[in-house]
């Protein structure tokens, strides 16, 4: 079994999601970023309007995020968003 990332998704006023995941995908100002366990450390700026997808086993949780930052270590991901809402079915398809 592959090792999992510790993921924290935080909006300005609340912790939105926390737990372990197989992969995180986020849209940054430099393009879409996929993060697996052992990823090189980085700090990136989230796109003004983007989406964060958290993959666990066979399921995926998606959130629409607006602005903020993503911090990646070898074992975890922290996403600090200006605002964050669960993605709708139509926005999750993008």
N, C-alpha and C. Protein backbone atom coordinates (compact mmCIF):
# COMPACT_ATOMS: atom_id res chain seq x y z
N UNK A 1 0.84 -1.19 0.00
CA UNK A 1 0.00 0.00 0.00
C UNK A 1 0.88 1.24 0.00
N UNK A 2 0.53 2.21 -0.82
CA UNK A 2 1.30 3.45 -0.91
C UNK A 2 1.11 4.28 0.35
N UNK A 3 2.12 5.03 0.68
CA UNK A 3 2.02 5.91 1.85
C UNK A 3 1.12 7.08 1.53
N UNK A 4 0.49 7.63 2.55
CA UNK A 4 -0.49 8.69 2.34
C UNK A 4 0.02 10.04 2.84
N UNK A 5 -0.53 11.08 2.25
CA UNK A 5 -0.24 12.45 2.63
C UNK A 5 -1.15 12.87 3.77
N UNK A 6 -0.65 13.69 4.67
CA UNK A 6 -1.48 14.34 5.66
C UNK A 6 -1.93 15.65 5.03
N UNK A 7 -3.24 15.86 4.89
CA UNK A 7 -3.76 17.02 4.17
C UNK A 7 -4.59 17.89 5.10
N UNK A 8 -4.34 19.20 5.03
CA UNK A 8 -5.13 20.20 5.75
C UNK A 8 -5.61 21.22 4.72
N UNK A 9 -6.92 21.42 4.64
CA UNK A 9 -7.51 22.44 3.77
C UNK A 9 -8.19 23.44 4.68
N UNK A 10 -7.68 24.68 4.67
CA UNK A 10 -8.14 25.70 5.61
C UNK A 10 -8.56 26.94 4.84
N UNK A 11 -9.76 27.45 5.14
CA UNK A 11 -10.21 28.74 4.62
C UNK A 11 -9.94 29.78 5.69
N UNK A 12 -10.17 31.02 5.39
CA UNK A 12 -9.83 32.11 6.31
C UNK A 12 -10.40 31.89 7.71
N UNK A 13 -11.62 31.45 7.80
CA UNK A 13 -12.26 31.37 9.11
C UNK A 13 -12.48 29.97 9.66
N UNK A 14 -12.11 28.93 8.90
CA UNK A 14 -12.39 27.58 9.39
C UNK A 14 -11.52 26.52 8.71
N UNK A 15 -11.34 25.40 9.43
CA UNK A 15 -10.71 24.23 8.82
C UNK A 15 -11.80 23.52 8.03
N UNK A 16 -11.57 23.34 6.73
CA UNK A 16 -12.58 22.78 5.84
C UNK A 16 -12.47 21.26 5.78
N UNK A 17 -11.24 20.75 5.67
CA UNK A 17 -11.04 19.31 5.55
C UNK A 17 -9.67 18.95 6.10
N UNK A 18 -9.61 17.82 6.76
CA UNK A 18 -8.34 17.33 7.31
C UNK A 18 -8.36 15.81 7.29
N UNK A 19 -7.24 15.22 6.89
CA UNK A 19 -7.17 13.77 6.89
C UNK A 19 -6.05 13.28 6.00
N UNK A 20 -6.04 11.98 5.77
CA UNK A 20 -5.02 11.36 4.93
C UNK A 20 -5.58 11.16 3.52
N UNK A 21 -4.70 11.30 2.53
CA UNK A 21 -5.12 11.15 1.14
C UNK A 21 -4.00 10.52 0.34
N UNK A 22 -4.39 9.91 -0.79
CA UNK A 22 -3.42 9.31 -1.70
C UNK A 22 -2.77 10.37 -2.58
N UNK A 23 -3.56 11.40 -2.94
CA UNK A 23 -3.08 12.42 -3.86
C UNK A 23 -3.89 13.69 -3.70
N UNK A 24 -3.25 14.83 -3.94
CA UNK A 24 -3.94 16.12 -3.96
C UNK A 24 -3.61 16.79 -5.28
N UNK A 25 -4.64 17.35 -5.92
CA UNK A 25 -4.46 18.09 -7.17
C UNK A 25 -4.99 19.50 -6.94
N UNK A 26 -4.17 20.51 -7.27
CA UNK A 26 -4.58 21.90 -7.09
C UNK A 26 -4.13 22.72 -8.29
N UNK A 27 -4.90 23.76 -8.60
CA UNK A 27 -4.53 24.67 -9.68
C UNK A 27 -3.80 25.86 -9.07
N UNK A 28 -2.58 26.08 -9.51
CA UNK A 28 -1.78 27.20 -9.04
C UNK A 28 -1.64 28.22 -10.18
N UNK A 29 -0.99 29.33 -9.88
CA UNK A 29 -0.76 30.34 -10.90
C UNK A 29 0.21 29.83 -11.97
N UNK A 30 0.93 28.76 -11.69
CA UNK A 30 1.87 28.17 -12.65
C UNK A 30 1.27 26.99 -13.42
N UNK A 31 0.05 26.58 -13.06
CA UNK A 31 -0.59 25.44 -13.71
C UNK A 31 -1.08 24.44 -12.68
N UNK A 32 -1.63 23.32 -13.16
CA UNK A 32 -2.16 22.30 -12.27
C UNK A 32 -1.01 21.50 -11.66
N UNK A 33 -1.15 21.20 -10.37
CA UNK A 33 -0.11 20.52 -9.61
C UNK A 33 -0.69 19.27 -8.97
N UNK A 34 -0.07 18.12 -9.20
CA UNK A 34 -0.46 16.87 -8.55
C UNK A 34 0.59 16.51 -7.52
N UNK A 35 0.16 16.17 -6.31
CA UNK A 35 1.08 15.90 -5.21
C UNK A 35 0.85 14.49 -4.67
N UNK A 36 1.90 13.71 -4.64
CA UNK A 36 1.90 12.38 -4.02
C UNK A 36 2.86 12.40 -2.84
N UNK A 37 2.78 11.36 -2.00
CA UNK A 37 3.71 11.23 -0.88
C UNK A 37 5.15 11.27 -1.40
N UNK A 38 6.01 12.01 -0.75
CA UNK A 38 7.41 12.11 -1.13
C UNK A 38 7.70 13.23 -2.12
N UNK A 39 6.68 14.04 -2.45
CA UNK A 39 6.86 15.15 -3.38
C UNK A 39 7.89 16.14 -2.84
N UNK A 40 8.61 16.76 -3.73
CA UNK A 40 9.58 17.81 -3.36
C UNK A 40 8.84 18.94 -2.63
N UNK A 41 9.50 19.53 -1.64
CA UNK A 41 8.89 20.64 -0.91
C UNK A 41 8.71 21.84 -1.82
N UNK A 42 7.59 22.54 -1.64
CA UNK A 42 7.36 23.76 -2.41
C UNK A 42 6.30 24.61 -1.74
N UNK A 43 6.29 25.87 -2.11
CA UNK A 43 5.26 26.81 -1.70
C UNK A 43 4.75 27.45 -2.97
N UNK A 44 3.44 27.38 -3.22
CA UNK A 44 2.87 27.92 -4.45
C UNK A 44 1.66 28.78 -4.17
N UNK A 45 1.36 29.64 -5.12
CA UNK A 45 0.18 30.49 -5.02
C UNK A 45 -0.96 29.85 -5.80
N UNK A 46 -2.12 29.71 -5.15
CA UNK A 46 -3.28 29.13 -5.81
C UNK A 46 -3.81 30.11 -6.84
N UNK A 47 -4.39 29.59 -7.92
CA UNK A 47 -5.04 30.43 -8.92
C UNK A 47 -6.21 31.16 -8.27
N UNK A 48 -6.54 32.33 -8.80
CA UNK A 48 -7.64 33.13 -8.24
C UNK A 48 -8.93 32.33 -8.17
N UNK A 49 -9.24 31.58 -9.22
CA UNK A 49 -10.38 30.68 -9.18
C UNK A 49 -9.87 29.31 -9.61
N UNK A 50 -9.95 28.36 -8.72
CA UNK A 50 -9.44 27.04 -9.04
C UNK A 50 -10.16 25.98 -8.25
N UNK A 51 -9.60 24.80 -8.27
CA UNK A 51 -10.20 23.69 -7.57
C UNK A 51 -9.11 22.86 -6.92
N UNK A 52 -9.42 22.33 -5.76
CA UNK A 52 -8.56 21.38 -5.07
C UNK A 52 -9.30 20.06 -5.05
N UNK A 53 -8.63 19.00 -5.51
CA UNK A 53 -9.22 17.67 -5.51
C UNK A 53 -8.38 16.78 -4.60
N UNK A 54 -9.05 16.12 -3.67
CA UNK A 54 -8.39 15.23 -2.71
C UNK A 54 -8.82 13.82 -3.05
N UNK A 55 -7.84 12.96 -3.35
CA UNK A 55 -8.15 11.59 -3.77
C UNK A 55 -7.80 10.61 -2.65
N UNK A 56 -8.79 9.78 -2.31
CA UNK A 56 -8.64 8.75 -1.28
C UNK A 56 -9.17 7.45 -1.85
N UNK A 57 -8.30 6.49 -2.07
CA UNK A 57 -8.76 5.23 -2.63
C UNK A 57 -9.50 5.48 -3.93
N UNK A 58 -10.72 5.01 -4.04
CA UNK A 58 -11.49 5.19 -5.26
C UNK A 58 -12.38 6.42 -5.27
N UNK A 59 -12.30 7.26 -4.26
CA UNK A 59 -13.17 8.43 -4.24
C UNK A 59 -12.38 9.72 -4.31
N UNK A 60 -13.08 10.77 -4.72
CA UNK A 60 -12.45 12.08 -4.85
C UNK A 60 -13.37 13.14 -4.24
N UNK A 61 -12.79 14.02 -3.45
CA UNK A 61 -13.52 15.14 -2.86
C UNK A 61 -12.99 16.40 -3.52
N UNK A 62 -13.89 17.27 -3.99
CA UNK A 62 -13.46 18.47 -4.70
C UNK A 62 -14.01 19.72 -4.02
N UNK A 63 -13.17 20.76 -3.97
CA UNK A 63 -13.56 22.06 -3.43
C UNK A 63 -13.17 23.15 -4.41
N UNK A 64 -14.06 24.12 -4.57
CA UNK A 64 -13.73 25.32 -5.34
C UNK A 64 -13.02 26.27 -4.38
N UNK A 65 -11.85 26.73 -4.76
CA UNK A 65 -11.08 27.62 -3.91
C UNK A 65 -10.80 28.92 -4.66
N UNK A 66 -10.64 29.98 -3.91
CA UNK A 66 -10.38 31.30 -4.48
C UNK A 66 -9.19 31.89 -3.77
N UNK A 67 -8.07 31.97 -4.47
CA UNK A 67 -6.86 32.57 -3.91
C UNK A 67 -6.28 31.77 -2.77
N UNK A 68 -5.09 32.15 -2.37
CA UNK A 68 -4.43 31.51 -1.24
C UNK A 68 -3.14 30.84 -1.66
N UNK A 69 -2.67 29.92 -0.82
CA UNK A 69 -1.37 29.27 -1.01
C UNK A 69 -1.46 27.78 -0.75
N UNK A 70 -0.52 27.05 -1.34
CA UNK A 70 -0.36 25.62 -1.07
C UNK A 70 1.08 25.40 -0.61
N UNK A 71 1.22 24.67 0.48
CA UNK A 71 2.53 24.32 1.02
C UNK A 71 2.67 22.80 0.99
N UNK A 72 3.74 22.32 0.39
CA UNK A 72 3.96 20.88 0.24
C UNK A 72 5.25 20.49 0.94
N UNK A 73 5.18 19.45 1.77
CA UNK A 73 6.36 18.82 2.33
C UNK A 73 6.38 17.39 1.79
N UNK A 74 7.38 16.62 2.14
CA UNK A 74 7.45 15.25 1.67
C UNK A 74 6.32 14.37 2.18
N UNK A 75 5.70 14.77 3.29
CA UNK A 75 4.66 13.93 3.90
C UNK A 75 3.30 14.58 3.99
N UNK A 76 3.18 15.84 3.58
CA UNK A 76 1.89 16.49 3.74
C UNK A 76 1.69 17.71 2.86
N UNK A 77 0.42 18.14 2.84
CA UNK A 77 0.01 19.30 2.07
C UNK A 77 -0.88 20.17 2.95
N UNK A 78 -0.59 21.47 2.97
CA UNK A 78 -1.46 22.43 3.64
C UNK A 78 -1.92 23.43 2.60
N UNK A 79 -3.23 23.64 2.54
CA UNK A 79 -3.79 24.59 1.60
C UNK A 79 -4.50 25.67 2.41
N UNK A 80 -4.06 26.90 2.22
CA UNK A 80 -4.65 28.04 2.90
C UNK A 80 -5.37 28.87 1.84
N UNK A 81 -6.68 28.79 1.81
CA UNK A 81 -7.47 29.46 0.78
C UNK A 81 -8.16 30.69 1.34
N UNK A 82 -8.32 31.71 0.49
CA UNK A 82 -9.09 32.89 0.90
C UNK A 82 -10.53 32.51 1.14
N UNK A 83 -11.09 31.68 0.25
CA UNK A 83 -12.43 31.12 0.46
C UNK A 83 -12.47 29.74 -0.19
N UNK A 84 -13.40 28.92 0.31
CA UNK A 84 -13.46 27.54 -0.13
C UNK A 84 -14.88 27.02 0.05
N UNK A 85 -15.41 26.38 -1.00
CA UNK A 85 -16.75 25.79 -0.92
C UNK A 85 -16.72 24.42 -1.59
N UNK A 86 -17.56 23.49 -1.15
CA UNK A 86 -17.63 22.19 -1.84
C UNK A 86 -17.97 22.42 -3.31
N UNK A 87 -17.31 21.68 -4.18
CA UNK A 87 -17.55 21.82 -5.62
C UNK A 87 -18.90 21.24 -5.98
N UNK A 88 -19.57 21.89 -6.90
CA UNK A 88 -20.82 21.37 -7.43
C UNK A 88 -20.49 20.37 -8.51
N UNK A 89 -21.47 19.57 -8.91
CA UNK A 89 -21.23 18.55 -9.95
C UNK A 89 -20.74 19.19 -11.24
N UNK A 90 -21.27 20.36 -11.60
CA UNK A 90 -20.84 21.00 -12.85
C UNK A 90 -19.44 21.56 -12.74
N UNK A 91 -19.04 22.10 -11.58
CA UNK A 91 -17.68 22.63 -11.45
C UNK A 91 -16.66 21.52 -11.28
N UNK A 92 -17.06 20.37 -10.74
CA UNK A 92 -16.14 19.26 -10.55
C UNK A 92 -15.74 18.62 -11.88
N UNK A 93 -16.54 18.82 -12.91
CA UNK A 93 -16.25 18.24 -14.22
C UNK A 93 -15.14 19.00 -14.95
N UNK A 94 -14.77 20.19 -14.51
CA UNK A 94 -13.77 21.01 -15.17
C UNK A 94 -12.37 20.62 -14.78
